[in-house]
Amino acid sequence: MKAVIYTRVSTEDQANNGISLDAQVAACTQYAVAHNLQVDEVIVDTMSGKSIERPGFQKLLKLISGRKIGHLIAMKLDRLSRNTIDTLHLLNLLSQKQVELHLADSGRVDSTSADGELMMTLRAGFAQAERRKISERTKAALDRKKALGHRVSGKPPYGYEFQDGRVVANQSEQQAIHVIKKLHGKGMSVRKIIGALDKKGLYNRKGKTFSVSVIHNILHAA
């Protein structure tokens, strides 16, 4: 049966590990040639592995569920997922559909034996731990930039604005934030807060009613 190569890279991966899609494809292709596996398709995702809601990964799941492939090749286990539970669910599906998993960095995965399952569980746990470390390092770097007043995104969060490449408080938006926090402190729900803001003539940057998500973000950042 045919083999499929799955590759994934995110901004975090490229920034912290220098992992490229080309390197993954090259390693997986070399593995396939060495093990006489015929690759019919290369599936690519360019987003974080913390969730399975990735277009390429969802396509892969459909191919596996439909028994359309016999072999799945990835460079490393964390390319498939950085979430322990999601990885174990995938391994279980592969076993059910009799699809063999191959990792270019370590060979064919044996998840049918007790020892093999334990090894995969440990590796999945390490992958998730590494994702959390990367996330923590990224957050720490962004927090440091924010503390120094440096620009950290294409658009400043509500309550702030960019001036000469630095983040400074926007007084009118800070006023709205003060009102939001005060109303929340009185026990008002998000939707009631939005209604109260409308009555006070306080709107978002576009002059429209605040959305639930924006209010949640403001309160979460409080």
N, C-alpha and C. Protein backbone atom coordinates (compact mmCIF):
# COMPACT_ATOMS: atom_id res chain seq x y z
N MET A 1 0.83 -1.20 0.00
CA MET A 1 0.00 0.00 0.00
C MET A 1 0.87 1.25 0.00
N LYS A 2 0.26 2.35 -0.38
CA LYS A 2 1.04 3.58 -0.54
C LYS A 2 1.44 4.20 0.80
N ALA A 3 2.46 5.01 0.72
CA ALA A 3 2.96 5.72 1.90
C ALA A 3 2.71 7.21 1.72
N VAL A 4 2.49 7.88 2.83
CA VAL A 4 2.30 9.32 2.84
C VAL A 4 3.30 9.94 3.80
N ILE A 5 3.89 11.05 3.37
CA ILE A 5 4.80 11.79 4.23
C ILE A 5 4.03 12.96 4.84
N TYR A 6 4.14 13.13 6.15
CA TYR A 6 3.51 14.26 6.82
C TYR A 6 4.59 15.17 7.38
N THR A 7 4.49 16.47 7.06
CA THR A 7 5.45 17.45 7.57
C THR A 7 4.70 18.61 8.21
N ARG A 8 5.31 19.18 9.22
CA ARG A 8 4.69 20.32 9.90
C ARG A 8 5.78 21.25 10.40
N VAL A 9 5.53 22.54 10.25
CA VAL A 9 6.43 23.53 10.81
C VAL A 9 5.61 24.73 11.25
N SER A 10 6.02 25.36 12.33
CA SER A 10 5.34 26.55 12.82
C SER A 10 6.36 27.65 13.00
N THR A 11 5.88 28.85 13.25
CA THR A 11 6.79 29.98 13.48
C THR A 11 7.70 29.69 14.67
N GLU A 12 7.13 29.08 15.73
CA GLU A 12 7.93 28.75 16.91
C GLU A 12 9.04 27.77 16.56
N ASP A 13 8.70 26.74 15.76
CA ASP A 13 9.70 25.74 15.38
C ASP A 13 10.86 26.37 14.64
N GLN A 14 10.53 27.23 13.67
CA GLN A 14 11.58 27.83 12.86
C GLN A 14 12.45 28.77 13.69
N ALA A 15 11.81 29.49 14.61
CA ALA A 15 12.56 30.45 15.42
C ALA A 15 13.45 29.76 16.45
N ASN A 16 12.95 28.66 17.04
CA ASN A 16 13.69 28.03 18.13
C ASN A 16 14.55 26.86 17.70
N ASN A 17 14.14 26.14 16.65
CA ASN A 17 14.86 24.94 16.27
C ASN A 17 15.41 24.95 14.85
N GLY A 18 15.01 25.93 14.06
CA GLY A 18 15.49 26.00 12.68
C GLY A 18 14.99 24.85 11.82
N ILE A 19 13.85 24.27 12.19
CA ILE A 19 13.29 23.15 11.43
C ILE A 19 12.59 23.69 10.19
N SER A 20 12.93 23.16 9.03
CA SER A 20 12.29 23.60 7.79
C SER A 20 11.51 22.46 7.17
N LEU A 21 10.54 22.81 6.33
CA LEU A 21 9.76 21.81 5.63
C LEU A 21 10.63 21.02 4.66
N ASP A 22 11.54 21.71 3.97
CA ASP A 22 12.42 21.04 3.02
C ASP A 22 13.27 19.97 3.70
N ALA A 23 13.77 20.28 4.89
CA ALA A 23 14.60 19.33 5.63
C ALA A 23 13.78 18.10 6.02
N GLN A 24 12.52 18.32 6.42
CA GLN A 24 11.66 17.20 6.79
C GLN A 24 11.36 16.32 5.60
N VAL A 25 11.00 16.94 4.48
CA VAL A 25 10.69 16.17 3.27
C VAL A 25 11.91 15.37 2.81
N ALA A 26 13.08 16.00 2.85
CA ALA A 26 14.31 15.32 2.43
C ALA A 26 14.61 14.12 3.31
N ALA A 27 14.48 14.29 4.63
CA ALA A 27 14.76 13.19 5.55
C ALA A 27 13.77 12.05 5.38
N CYS A 28 12.49 12.39 5.22
CA CYS A 28 11.46 11.37 5.07
C CYS A 28 11.58 10.64 3.72
N THR A 29 11.91 11.41 2.68
CA THR A 29 12.08 10.80 1.36
C THR A 29 13.26 9.84 1.36
N GLN A 30 14.34 10.25 1.98
CA GLN A 30 15.52 9.39 2.09
C GLN A 30 15.18 8.11 2.85
N TYR A 31 14.40 8.24 3.90
CA TYR A 31 13.98 7.08 4.68
C TYR A 31 13.14 6.13 3.81
N ALA A 32 12.20 6.72 3.05
CA ALA A 32 11.32 5.92 2.19
C ALA A 32 12.12 5.13 1.16
N VAL A 33 13.08 5.77 0.55
CA VAL A 33 13.92 5.10 -0.45
C VAL A 33 14.69 3.95 0.19
N ALA A 34 15.26 4.21 1.36
CA ALA A 34 16.06 3.20 2.05
C ALA A 34 15.23 1.99 2.47
N HIS A 35 13.93 2.19 2.68
CA HIS A 35 13.06 1.11 3.15
C HIS A 35 12.06 0.66 2.09
N ASN A 36 12.31 1.05 0.84
CA ASN A 36 11.49 0.62 -0.29
C ASN A 36 10.00 0.95 -0.12
N LEU A 37 9.74 2.15 0.35
CA LEU A 37 8.36 2.61 0.52
C LEU A 37 8.03 3.59 -0.60
N GLN A 38 6.90 3.37 -1.26
CA GLN A 38 6.48 4.25 -2.35
C GLN A 38 5.65 5.40 -1.81
N VAL A 39 6.18 6.60 -1.91
CA VAL A 39 5.48 7.79 -1.41
C VAL A 39 4.60 8.36 -2.52
N ASP A 40 3.31 8.43 -2.23
CA ASP A 40 2.35 8.96 -3.21
C ASP A 40 1.94 10.40 -2.92
N GLU A 41 2.18 10.85 -1.70
CA GLU A 41 1.74 12.20 -1.36
C GLU A 41 2.53 12.75 -0.18
N VAL A 42 2.76 14.06 -0.21
CA VAL A 42 3.40 14.76 0.90
C VAL A 42 2.38 15.77 1.44
N ILE A 43 2.02 15.61 2.70
CA ILE A 43 1.06 16.50 3.33
C ILE A 43 1.80 17.51 4.20
N VAL A 44 1.43 18.78 4.06
CA VAL A 44 2.15 19.86 4.75
C VAL A 44 1.20 20.69 5.59
N ASP A 45 1.62 20.96 6.83
CA ASP A 45 0.91 21.91 7.69
C ASP A 45 1.91 22.96 8.14
N THR A 46 1.47 24.20 8.22
CA THR A 46 2.35 25.29 8.70
C THR A 46 1.71 25.95 9.90
N MET A 47 1.58 25.19 10.96
CA MET A 47 1.00 25.71 12.19
C MET A 47 1.41 24.86 13.38
N SER A 48 1.08 25.33 14.56
CA SER A 48 1.48 24.65 15.80
C SER A 48 0.92 23.24 15.90
N GLY A 49 1.68 22.38 16.59
CA GLY A 49 1.25 21.01 16.80
C GLY A 49 0.48 20.80 18.09
N LYS A 50 0.10 21.89 18.76
CA LYS A 50 -0.61 21.73 20.03
C LYS A 50 -2.07 21.32 19.83
N SER A 51 -2.57 21.46 18.60
CA SER A 51 -3.94 21.08 18.30
C SER A 51 -3.97 20.23 17.03
N ILE A 52 -4.98 19.37 16.92
CA ILE A 52 -5.12 18.56 15.72
C ILE A 52 -5.97 19.27 14.66
N GLU A 53 -6.44 20.46 14.98
CA GLU A 53 -7.25 21.22 14.02
C GLU A 53 -6.34 21.88 12.98
N ARG A 54 -5.69 21.04 12.21
CA ARG A 54 -4.82 21.49 11.12
C ARG A 54 -5.34 20.87 9.82
N PRO A 55 -5.42 21.63 8.74
CA PRO A 55 -5.97 21.11 7.48
C PRO A 55 -5.27 19.83 7.02
N GLY A 56 -3.94 19.85 7.02
CA GLY A 56 -3.20 18.68 6.57
C GLY A 56 -3.41 17.49 7.48
N PHE A 57 -3.42 17.72 8.77
CA PHE A 57 -3.59 16.62 9.73
C PHE A 57 -4.98 16.01 9.62
N GLN A 58 -5.98 16.86 9.42
CA GLN A 58 -7.34 16.35 9.25
C GLN A 58 -7.45 15.50 7.98
N LYS A 59 -6.76 15.91 6.94
CA LYS A 59 -6.74 15.12 5.70
C LYS A 59 -6.07 13.78 5.97
N LEU A 60 -4.99 13.81 6.74
CA LEU A 60 -4.27 12.59 7.09
C LEU A 60 -5.17 11.63 7.86
N LEU A 61 -5.92 12.15 8.82
CA LEU A 61 -6.82 11.30 9.60
C LEU A 61 -7.87 10.63 8.71
N LYS A 62 -8.36 11.36 7.72
CA LYS A 62 -9.35 10.78 6.79
C LYS A 62 -8.73 9.66 5.97
N LEU A 63 -7.49 9.85 5.54
CA LEU A 63 -6.81 8.80 4.76
C LEU A 63 -6.60 7.55 5.60
N ILE A 64 -6.23 7.77 6.87
CA ILE A 64 -6.01 6.63 7.76
C ILE A 64 -7.33 5.92 8.06
N SER A 65 -8.35 6.69 8.41
CA SER A 65 -9.65 6.12 8.74
C SER A 65 -10.25 5.35 7.57
N GLY A 66 -10.01 5.85 6.36
CA GLY A 66 -10.53 5.19 5.17
C GLY A 66 -9.64 4.09 4.63
N ARG A 67 -8.58 3.77 5.38
CA ARG A 67 -7.61 2.75 4.97
C ARG A 67 -7.05 3.02 3.57
N LYS A 68 -6.79 4.29 3.29
CA LYS A 68 -6.27 4.68 1.98
C LYS A 68 -4.75 4.59 1.91
N ILE A 69 -4.11 4.45 3.05
CA ILE A 69 -2.65 4.36 3.09
C ILE A 69 -2.23 3.20 3.98
N GLY A 70 -1.01 2.73 3.74
CA GLY A 70 -0.48 1.64 4.55
C GLY A 70 0.68 2.06 5.42
N HIS A 71 1.28 3.20 5.07
CA HIS A 71 2.45 3.67 5.81
C HIS A 71 2.39 5.19 5.96
N LEU A 72 2.74 5.65 7.14
CA LEU A 72 2.84 7.08 7.43
C LEU A 72 4.27 7.37 7.85
N ILE A 73 4.89 8.36 7.19
CA ILE A 73 6.27 8.72 7.49
C ILE A 73 6.33 10.17 7.97
N ALA A 74 6.99 10.38 9.08
CA ALA A 74 7.23 11.73 9.60
C ALA A 74 8.68 11.79 10.07
N MET A 75 9.24 12.98 10.15
CA MET A 75 10.63 13.09 10.57
C MET A 75 10.80 12.73 12.05
N LYS A 76 9.88 13.27 12.88
CA LYS A 76 9.92 13.02 14.31
C LYS A 76 8.48 12.91 14.83
N LEU A 77 8.33 12.33 16.00
CA LEU A 77 7.00 12.17 16.57
C LEU A 77 6.34 13.52 16.82
N ASP A 78 7.11 14.52 17.22
CA ASP A 78 6.51 15.82 17.53
C ASP A 78 6.04 16.57 16.30
N ARG A 79 6.41 16.09 15.10
CA ARG A 79 5.87 16.70 13.88
C ARG A 79 4.39 16.36 13.74
N LEU A 80 4.00 15.20 14.24
CA LEU A 80 2.60 14.79 14.17
C LEU A 80 1.77 15.51 15.22
N SER A 81 2.29 15.62 16.42
CA SER A 81 1.57 16.31 17.48
C SER A 81 2.51 16.59 18.64
N ARG A 82 2.21 17.69 19.35
CA ARG A 82 2.94 18.01 20.58
C ARG A 82 2.03 17.88 21.79
N ASN A 83 0.91 17.20 21.59
CA ASN A 83 -0.04 16.97 22.67
C ASN A 83 -0.07 15.47 22.95
N THR A 84 0.21 15.07 24.19
CA THR A 84 0.32 13.66 24.54
C THR A 84 -0.94 12.88 24.21
N ILE A 85 -2.10 13.39 24.62
CA ILE A 85 -3.35 12.66 24.40
C ILE A 85 -3.64 12.51 22.90
N ASP A 86 -3.43 13.60 22.13
CA ASP A 86 -3.67 13.53 20.68
C ASP A 86 -2.74 12.51 20.02
N THR A 87 -1.49 12.46 20.48
CA THR A 87 -0.53 11.51 19.91
C THR A 87 -0.98 10.08 20.19
N LEU A 88 -1.41 9.81 21.40
CA LEU A 88 -1.85 8.45 21.76
C LEU A 88 -3.10 8.06 20.99
N HIS A 89 -4.01 9.01 20.77
CA HIS A 89 -5.21 8.73 19.96
C HIS A 89 -4.80 8.37 18.53
N LEU A 90 -3.83 9.10 17.99
CA LEU A 90 -3.35 8.82 16.64
C LEU A 90 -2.73 7.44 16.56
N LEU A 91 -1.89 7.10 17.52
CA LEU A 91 -1.25 5.80 17.54
C LEU A 91 -2.29 4.68 17.62
N ASN A 92 -3.34 4.91 18.39
CA ASN A 92 -4.41 3.92 18.50
C ASN A 92 -5.14 3.75 17.17
N LEU A 93 -5.39 4.88 16.48
CA LEU A 93 -6.06 4.82 15.18
C LEU A 93 -5.20 4.09 14.16
N LEU A 94 -3.90 4.40 14.16
CA LEU A 94 -2.99 3.73 13.24
C LEU A 94 -2.99 2.21 13.46
N SER A 95 -3.02 1.82 14.73
CA SER A 95 -3.04 0.40 15.05
C SER A 95 -4.34 -0.25 14.59
N GLN A 96 -5.46 0.44 14.81
CA GLN A 96 -6.77 -0.10 14.41
C GLN A 96 -6.86 -0.28 12.90
N LYS A 97 -6.33 0.69 12.15
CA LYS A 97 -6.43 0.66 10.69
C LYS A 97 -5.23 -0.02 10.04
N GLN A 98 -4.35 -0.59 10.86
CA GLN A 98 -3.19 -1.33 10.39
C GLN A 98 -2.30 -0.48 9.47
N VAL A 99 -2.06 0.74 9.90
CA VAL A 99 -1.16 1.65 9.18
C VAL A 99 0.15 1.73 9.97
N GLU A 100 1.26 1.45 9.32
CA GLU A 100 2.55 1.47 9.99
C GLU A 100 3.10 2.89 10.06
N LEU A 101 3.59 3.26 11.23
CA LEU A 101 4.18 4.58 11.42
C LEU A 101 5.70 4.47 11.37
N HIS A 102 6.31 5.34 10.57
CA HIS A 102 7.77 5.37 10.44
C HIS A 102 8.26 6.78 10.80
N LEU A 103 9.27 6.86 11.64
CA LEU A 103 9.89 8.13 11.99
C LEU A 103 11.31 8.13 11.44
N ALA A 104 11.61 9.13 10.63
CA ALA A 104 12.92 9.18 9.97
C ALA A 104 14.07 9.21 10.96
N ASP A 105 13.80 9.72 12.16
CA ASP A 105 14.89 9.84 13.14
C ASP A 105 15.09 8.59 13.99
N SER A 106 14.13 7.62 13.90
CA SER A 106 14.26 6.44 14.76
C SER A 106 13.75 5.14 14.17
N GLY A 107 13.11 5.18 13.01
CA GLY A 107 12.66 3.95 12.36
C GLY A 107 11.18 3.65 12.57
N ARG A 108 10.80 2.40 12.31
CA ARG A 108 9.39 2.01 12.41
C ARG A 108 8.96 1.97 13.87
N VAL A 109 7.77 2.48 14.13
CA VAL A 109 7.25 2.55 15.49
C VAL A 109 6.45 1.30 15.81
N ASP A 110 6.79 0.67 16.92
CA ASP A 110 6.05 -0.50 17.39
C ASP A 110 5.17 -0.07 18.56
N SER A 111 3.89 0.12 18.29
CA SER A 111 2.97 0.53 19.34
C SER A 111 2.03 -0.59 19.74
N THR A 112 2.29 -1.81 19.23
CA THR A 112 1.42 -2.94 19.52
C THR A 112 1.83 -3.68 20.79
N SER A 113 3.12 -3.64 21.11
CA SER A 113 3.59 -4.33 22.32
C SER A 113 3.52 -3.38 23.52
N ALA A 114 3.57 -3.93 24.72
CA ALA A 114 3.52 -3.13 25.94
C ALA A 114 4.72 -2.19 26.03
N ASP A 115 5.90 -2.71 25.70
CA ASP A 115 7.12 -1.89 25.75
C ASP A 115 7.07 -0.79 24.70
N GLY A 116 6.58 -1.13 23.51
CA GLY A 116 6.48 -0.14 22.44
C GLY A 116 5.50 0.96 22.79
N GLU A 117 4.36 0.59 23.37
CA GLU A 117 3.36 1.58 23.76
C GLU A 117 3.91 2.49 24.86
N LEU A 118 4.64 1.91 25.81
CA LEU A 118 5.22 2.72 26.88
C LEU A 118 6.22 3.72 26.32
N MET A 119 7.05 3.27 25.38
CA MET A 119 8.06 4.16 24.78
C MET A 119 7.40 5.32 24.05
N MET A 120 6.33 5.02 23.30
CA MET A 120 5.63 6.07 22.58
C MET A 120 4.94 7.05 23.53
N THR A 121 4.42 6.55 24.63
CA THR A 121 3.78 7.41 25.62
C THR A 121 4.80 8.38 26.21
N LEU A 122 5.99 7.85 26.51
CA LEU A 122 7.05 8.70 27.06
C LEU A 122 7.49 9.75 26.05
N ARG A 123 7.65 9.35 24.79
CA ARG A 123 8.09 10.29 23.76
C ARG A 123 7.03 11.36 23.52
N ALA A 124 5.76 10.97 23.57
CA ALA A 124 4.68 11.94 23.40
C ALA A 124 4.69 12.94 24.54
N GLY A 125 4.95 12.45 25.75
CA GLY A 125 5.02 13.33 26.91
C GLY A 125 6.16 14.32 26.80
N PHE A 126 7.32 13.85 26.32
CA PHE A 126 8.47 14.73 26.14
C PHE A 126 8.17 15.80 25.08
N ALA A 127 7.46 15.40 24.01
CA ALA A 127 7.12 16.36 22.95
C ALA A 127 6.22 17.46 23.49
N GLN A 128 5.23 17.08 24.33
CA GLN A 128 4.34 18.08 24.91
C GLN A 128 5.10 18.99 25.86
N ALA A 129 6.00 18.42 26.63
CA ALA A 129 6.79 19.22 27.57
C ALA A 129 7.65 20.24 26.82
N GLU A 130 8.21 19.83 25.70
CA GLU A 130 9.04 20.72 24.90
C GLU A 130 8.20 21.86 24.33
N ARG A 131 6.97 21.52 23.89
CA ARG A 131 6.08 22.57 23.37
C ARG A 131 5.80 23.61 24.45
N ARG A 132 5.56 23.15 25.67
CA ARG A 132 5.27 24.08 26.76
C ARG A 132 6.48 24.94 27.10
N LYS A 133 7.66 24.34 27.01
CA LYS A 133 8.88 25.12 27.26
C LYS A 133 9.05 26.21 26.22
N ILE A 134 8.81 25.85 24.95
CA ILE A 134 8.91 26.83 23.87
C ILE A 134 7.91 27.96 24.09
N SER A 135 6.69 27.59 24.46
CA SER A 135 5.65 28.59 24.70
C SER A 135 6.03 29.51 25.85
N GLU A 136 6.61 28.93 26.91
CA GLU A 136 7.02 29.74 28.06
C GLU A 136 8.15 30.69 27.69
N ARG A 137 9.11 30.20 26.88
CA ARG A 137 10.22 31.06 26.47
C ARG A 137 9.73 32.20 25.59
N THR A 138 8.80 31.87 24.68
CA THR A 138 8.25 32.89 23.79
C THR A 138 7.49 33.95 24.58
N LYS A 139 6.67 33.50 25.54
CA LYS A 139 5.90 34.44 26.37
C LYS A 139 6.83 35.32 27.19
N ALA A 140 7.89 34.73 27.72
CA ALA A 140 8.84 35.51 28.53
C ALA A 140 9.51 36.59 27.69
N ALA A 141 9.85 36.24 26.43
CA ALA A 141 10.50 37.21 25.54
C ALA A 141 9.54 38.34 25.20
N LEU A 142 8.27 37.99 24.94
CA LEU A 142 7.28 39.02 24.61
C LEU A 142 6.98 39.91 25.81
N ASP A 143 6.90 39.29 27.00
CA ASP A 143 6.66 40.07 28.21
C ASP A 143 7.79 41.06 28.44
N ARG A 144 9.02 40.62 28.15
CA ARG A 144 10.18 41.49 28.31
C ARG A 144 10.10 42.67 27.35
N LYS A 145 9.70 42.41 26.11
CA LYS A 145 9.56 43.49 25.14
C LYS A 145 8.47 44.46 25.56
N LYS A 146 7.36 43.90 26.06
CA LYS A 146 6.27 44.77 26.51
C LYS A 146 6.72 45.65 27.67
N ALA A 147 7.49 45.05 28.58
CA ALA A 147 7.97 45.80 29.74
C ALA A 147 8.87 46.96 29.33
N LEU A 148 9.60 46.76 28.23
CA LEU A 148 10.49 47.80 27.72
C LEU A 148 9.77 48.77 26.79
N GLY A 149 8.49 48.48 26.53
CA GLY A 149 7.70 49.36 25.67
C GLY A 149 7.96 49.16 24.20
N HIS A 150 8.48 47.98 23.81
CA HIS A 150 8.78 47.71 22.41
C HIS A 150 7.56 47.16 21.69
N ARG A 151 7.52 47.40 20.42
CA ARG A 151 6.43 46.89 19.60
C ARG A 151 6.58 45.38 19.45
N VAL A 152 5.51 44.61 19.69
CA VAL A 152 5.60 43.15 19.64
C VAL A 152 4.62 42.52 18.65
N SER A 153 3.81 43.30 17.98
CA SER A 153 2.87 42.74 17.01
C SER A 153 2.50 43.78 15.98
N GLY A 154 1.71 43.36 15.02
CA GLY A 154 1.30 44.28 13.97
C GLY A 154 0.25 45.26 14.46
N LYS A 155 -0.41 44.96 15.55
CA LYS A 155 -1.48 45.80 16.06
C LYS A 155 -1.42 45.80 17.59
N PRO A 156 -1.44 46.95 18.22
CA PRO A 156 -1.34 46.98 19.69
C PRO A 156 -2.62 46.49 20.34
N PRO A 157 -2.54 45.92 21.54
CA PRO A 157 -3.75 45.48 22.24
C PRO A 157 -4.61 46.68 22.59
N TYR A 158 -5.89 46.42 22.81
CA TYR A 158 -6.80 47.51 23.16
C TYR A 158 -6.30 48.19 24.42
N GLY A 159 -6.27 49.51 24.40
CA GLY A 159 -5.77 50.28 25.53
C GLY A 159 -4.41 50.89 25.27
N TYR A 160 -3.80 50.50 24.13
CA TYR A 160 -2.46 50.98 23.82
C TYR A 160 -2.36 51.36 22.35
N GLU A 161 -1.29 52.08 22.02
CA GLU A 161 -1.03 52.46 20.64
C GLU A 161 0.48 52.54 20.41
N PHE A 162 0.86 52.52 19.15
CA PHE A 162 2.27 52.63 18.80
C PHE A 162 2.65 54.08 18.55
N GLN A 163 3.75 54.49 19.14
CA GLN A 163 4.31 55.82 18.87
C GLN A 163 5.82 55.68 18.75
N ASP A 164 6.33 55.94 17.55
CA ASP A 164 7.77 55.83 17.29
C ASP A 164 8.32 54.45 17.64
N GLY A 165 7.54 53.42 17.30
CA GLY A 165 8.01 52.06 17.53
C GLY A 165 7.87 51.57 18.95
N ARG A 166 7.26 52.38 19.82
CA ARG A 166 7.09 52.00 21.21
C ARG A 166 5.59 51.91 21.54
N VAL A 167 5.28 51.12 22.57
CA VAL A 167 3.90 50.95 22.98
C VAL A 167 3.59 51.92 24.12
N VAL A 168 2.59 52.76 23.91
CA VAL A 168 2.20 53.72 24.96
C VAL A 168 0.69 53.61 25.19
N ALA A 169 0.25 54.04 26.36
CA ALA A 169 -1.17 53.96 26.71
C ALA A 169 -2.00 54.93 25.88
N ASN A 170 -3.16 54.46 25.46
CA ASN A 170 -4.14 55.30 24.78
C ASN A 170 -5.16 55.71 25.83
N GLN A 171 -5.21 56.99 26.16
CA GLN A 171 -5.99 57.45 27.30
C GLN A 171 -7.49 57.17 27.17
N SER A 172 -8.06 57.39 25.99
CA SER A 172 -9.50 57.17 25.82
C SER A 172 -9.84 55.68 25.97
N GLU A 173 -8.97 54.81 25.43
CA GLU A 173 -9.20 53.37 25.55
C GLU A 173 -8.95 52.90 26.98
N GLN A 174 -7.99 53.51 27.65
CA GLN A 174 -7.75 53.16 29.05
C GLN A 174 -8.96 53.51 29.91
N GLN A 175 -9.63 54.59 29.54
CA GLN A 175 -10.85 54.98 30.27
C GLN A 175 -11.91 53.89 30.14
N ALA A 176 -12.08 53.38 28.92
CA ALA A 176 -13.06 52.31 28.68
C ALA A 176 -12.67 51.06 29.47
N ILE A 177 -11.38 50.74 29.50
CA ILE A 177 -10.90 49.58 30.25
C ILE A 177 -11.22 49.73 31.74
N HIS A 178 -11.03 50.95 32.25
CA HIS A 178 -11.32 51.22 33.66
C HIS A 178 -12.79 50.96 33.96
N VAL A 179 -13.66 51.39 33.06
CA VAL A 179 -15.09 51.19 33.24
C VAL A 179 -15.43 49.70 33.19
N ILE A 180 -14.83 48.99 32.24
CA ILE A 180 -15.07 47.55 32.09
C ILE A 180 -14.69 46.80 33.36
N LYS A 181 -13.53 47.10 33.90
CA LYS A 181 -13.07 46.43 35.12
C LYS A 181 -13.96 46.78 36.31
N LYS A 182 -14.40 48.03 36.38
CA LYS A 182 -15.24 48.47 37.48
C LYS A 182 -16.58 47.74 37.45
N LEU A 183 -17.17 47.62 36.24
CA LEU A 183 -18.45 46.93 36.09
C LEU A 183 -18.30 45.44 36.40
N HIS A 184 -17.20 44.88 35.96
CA HIS A 184 -16.94 43.46 36.22
C HIS A 184 -16.79 43.22 37.72
N GLY A 185 -16.15 44.17 38.39
CA GLY A 185 -15.97 44.07 39.84
C GLY A 185 -17.29 44.10 40.59
N LYS A 186 -18.32 44.67 39.98
CA LYS A 186 -19.64 44.72 40.59
C LYS A 186 -20.44 43.44 40.31
N GLY A 187 -19.79 42.50 39.60
CA GLY A 187 -20.45 41.22 39.33
C GLY A 187 -21.25 41.17 38.05
N MET A 188 -21.10 42.15 37.18
CA MET A 188 -21.86 42.16 35.93
C MET A 188 -21.28 41.16 34.94
N SER A 189 -22.16 40.51 34.18
CA SER A 189 -21.72 39.58 33.15
C SER A 189 -21.13 40.34 31.97
N VAL A 190 -20.44 39.64 31.10
CA VAL A 190 -19.82 40.29 29.95
C VAL A 190 -20.87 40.97 29.08
N ARG A 191 -21.97 40.29 28.83
CA ARG A 191 -23.00 40.87 27.96
C ARG A 191 -23.65 42.10 28.60
N LYS A 192 -23.81 42.10 29.91
CA LYS A 192 -24.37 43.28 30.58
C LYS A 192 -23.36 44.44 30.54
N ILE A 193 -22.09 44.09 30.62
CA ILE A 193 -21.05 45.12 30.53
C ILE A 193 -21.10 45.79 29.16
N ILE A 194 -21.27 44.97 28.12
CA ILE A 194 -21.35 45.51 26.75
C ILE A 194 -22.54 46.47 26.63
N GLY A 195 -23.68 46.08 27.21
CA GLY A 195 -24.86 46.95 27.17
C GLY A 195 -24.62 48.26 27.90
N ALA A 196 -23.93 48.17 29.04
CA ALA A 196 -23.64 49.37 29.82
C ALA A 196 -22.68 50.29 29.08
N LEU A 197 -21.72 49.72 28.37
CA LEU A 197 -20.77 50.53 27.59
C LEU A 197 -21.49 51.27 26.47
N ASP A 198 -22.45 50.59 25.84
CA ASP A 198 -23.24 51.24 24.78
C ASP A 198 -23.99 52.45 25.32
N LYS A 199 -24.57 52.28 26.51
CA LYS A 199 -25.33 53.38 27.11
C LYS A 199 -24.43 54.56 27.47
N LYS A 200 -23.17 54.25 27.80
CA LYS A 200 -22.22 55.30 28.16
C LYS A 200 -21.54 55.92 26.94
N GLY A 201 -21.85 55.34 25.75
CA GLY A 201 -21.24 55.85 24.53
C GLY A 201 -19.78 55.45 24.37
N LEU A 202 -19.42 54.31 24.96
CA LEU A 202 -18.05 53.80 24.85
C LEU A 202 -18.03 52.64 23.87
N TYR A 203 -17.26 52.81 22.79
CA TYR A 203 -17.23 51.80 21.74
C TYR A 203 -15.80 51.36 21.43
N ASN A 204 -15.68 50.35 20.56
CA ASN A 204 -14.35 49.86 20.21
C ASN A 204 -13.66 50.83 19.24
N ARG A 205 -12.50 50.43 18.76
CA ARG A 205 -11.71 51.32 17.90
C ARG A 205 -12.41 51.70 16.61
N LYS A 206 -13.33 50.85 16.18
CA LYS A 206 -14.03 51.12 14.93
C LYS A 206 -15.34 51.86 15.16
N GLY A 207 -15.55 52.27 16.42
CA GLY A 207 -16.77 53.00 16.73
C GLY A 207 -17.99 52.12 16.81
N LYS A 208 -17.77 50.82 17.03
CA LYS A 208 -18.88 49.88 17.11
C LYS A 208 -18.96 49.26 18.50
N THR A 209 -20.02 48.51 18.74
CA THR A 209 -20.20 47.85 20.03
C THR A 209 -19.08 46.85 20.29
N PHE A 210 -18.61 46.78 21.52
CA PHE A 210 -17.56 45.82 21.89
C PHE A 210 -18.05 44.39 21.67
N SER A 211 -17.13 43.53 21.25
CA SER A 211 -17.47 42.12 21.11
C SER A 211 -17.19 41.40 22.43
N VAL A 212 -17.80 40.24 22.58
CA VAL A 212 -17.60 39.44 23.79
C VAL A 212 -16.13 39.06 23.95
N SER A 213 -15.49 38.70 22.83
CA SER A 213 -14.09 38.25 22.88
C SER A 213 -13.16 39.37 23.35
N VAL A 214 -13.41 40.61 22.89
CA VAL A 214 -12.56 41.73 23.30
C VAL A 214 -12.70 41.99 24.80
N ILE A 215 -13.94 41.95 25.31
CA ILE A 215 -14.15 42.15 26.74
C ILE A 215 -13.44 41.06 27.54
N HIS A 216 -13.55 39.82 27.07
CA HIS A 216 -12.88 38.70 27.74
C HIS A 216 -11.37 38.94 27.76
N ASN A 217 -10.81 39.38 26.63
CA ASN A 217 -9.37 39.61 26.56
C ASN A 217 -8.94 40.72 27.53
N ILE A 218 -9.73 41.78 27.61
CA ILE A 218 -9.40 42.88 28.51
C ILE A 218 -9.41 42.42 29.96
N LEU A 219 -10.43 41.64 30.32
CA LEU A 219 -10.54 41.16 31.70
C LEU A 219 -9.45 40.13 32.01
N HIS A 220 -9.10 39.32 31.00
CA HIS A 220 -8.06 38.31 31.19
C HIS A 220 -6.71 38.97 31.40
N ALA A 221 -6.51 40.11 30.74
CA ALA A 221 -5.22 40.81 30.85
C ALA A 221 -5.14 41.67 32.09
N ALA A 222 -6.23 41.77 32.77
CA ALA A 222 -6.27 42.64 33.97
C ALA A 222 -5.36 42.13 35.07
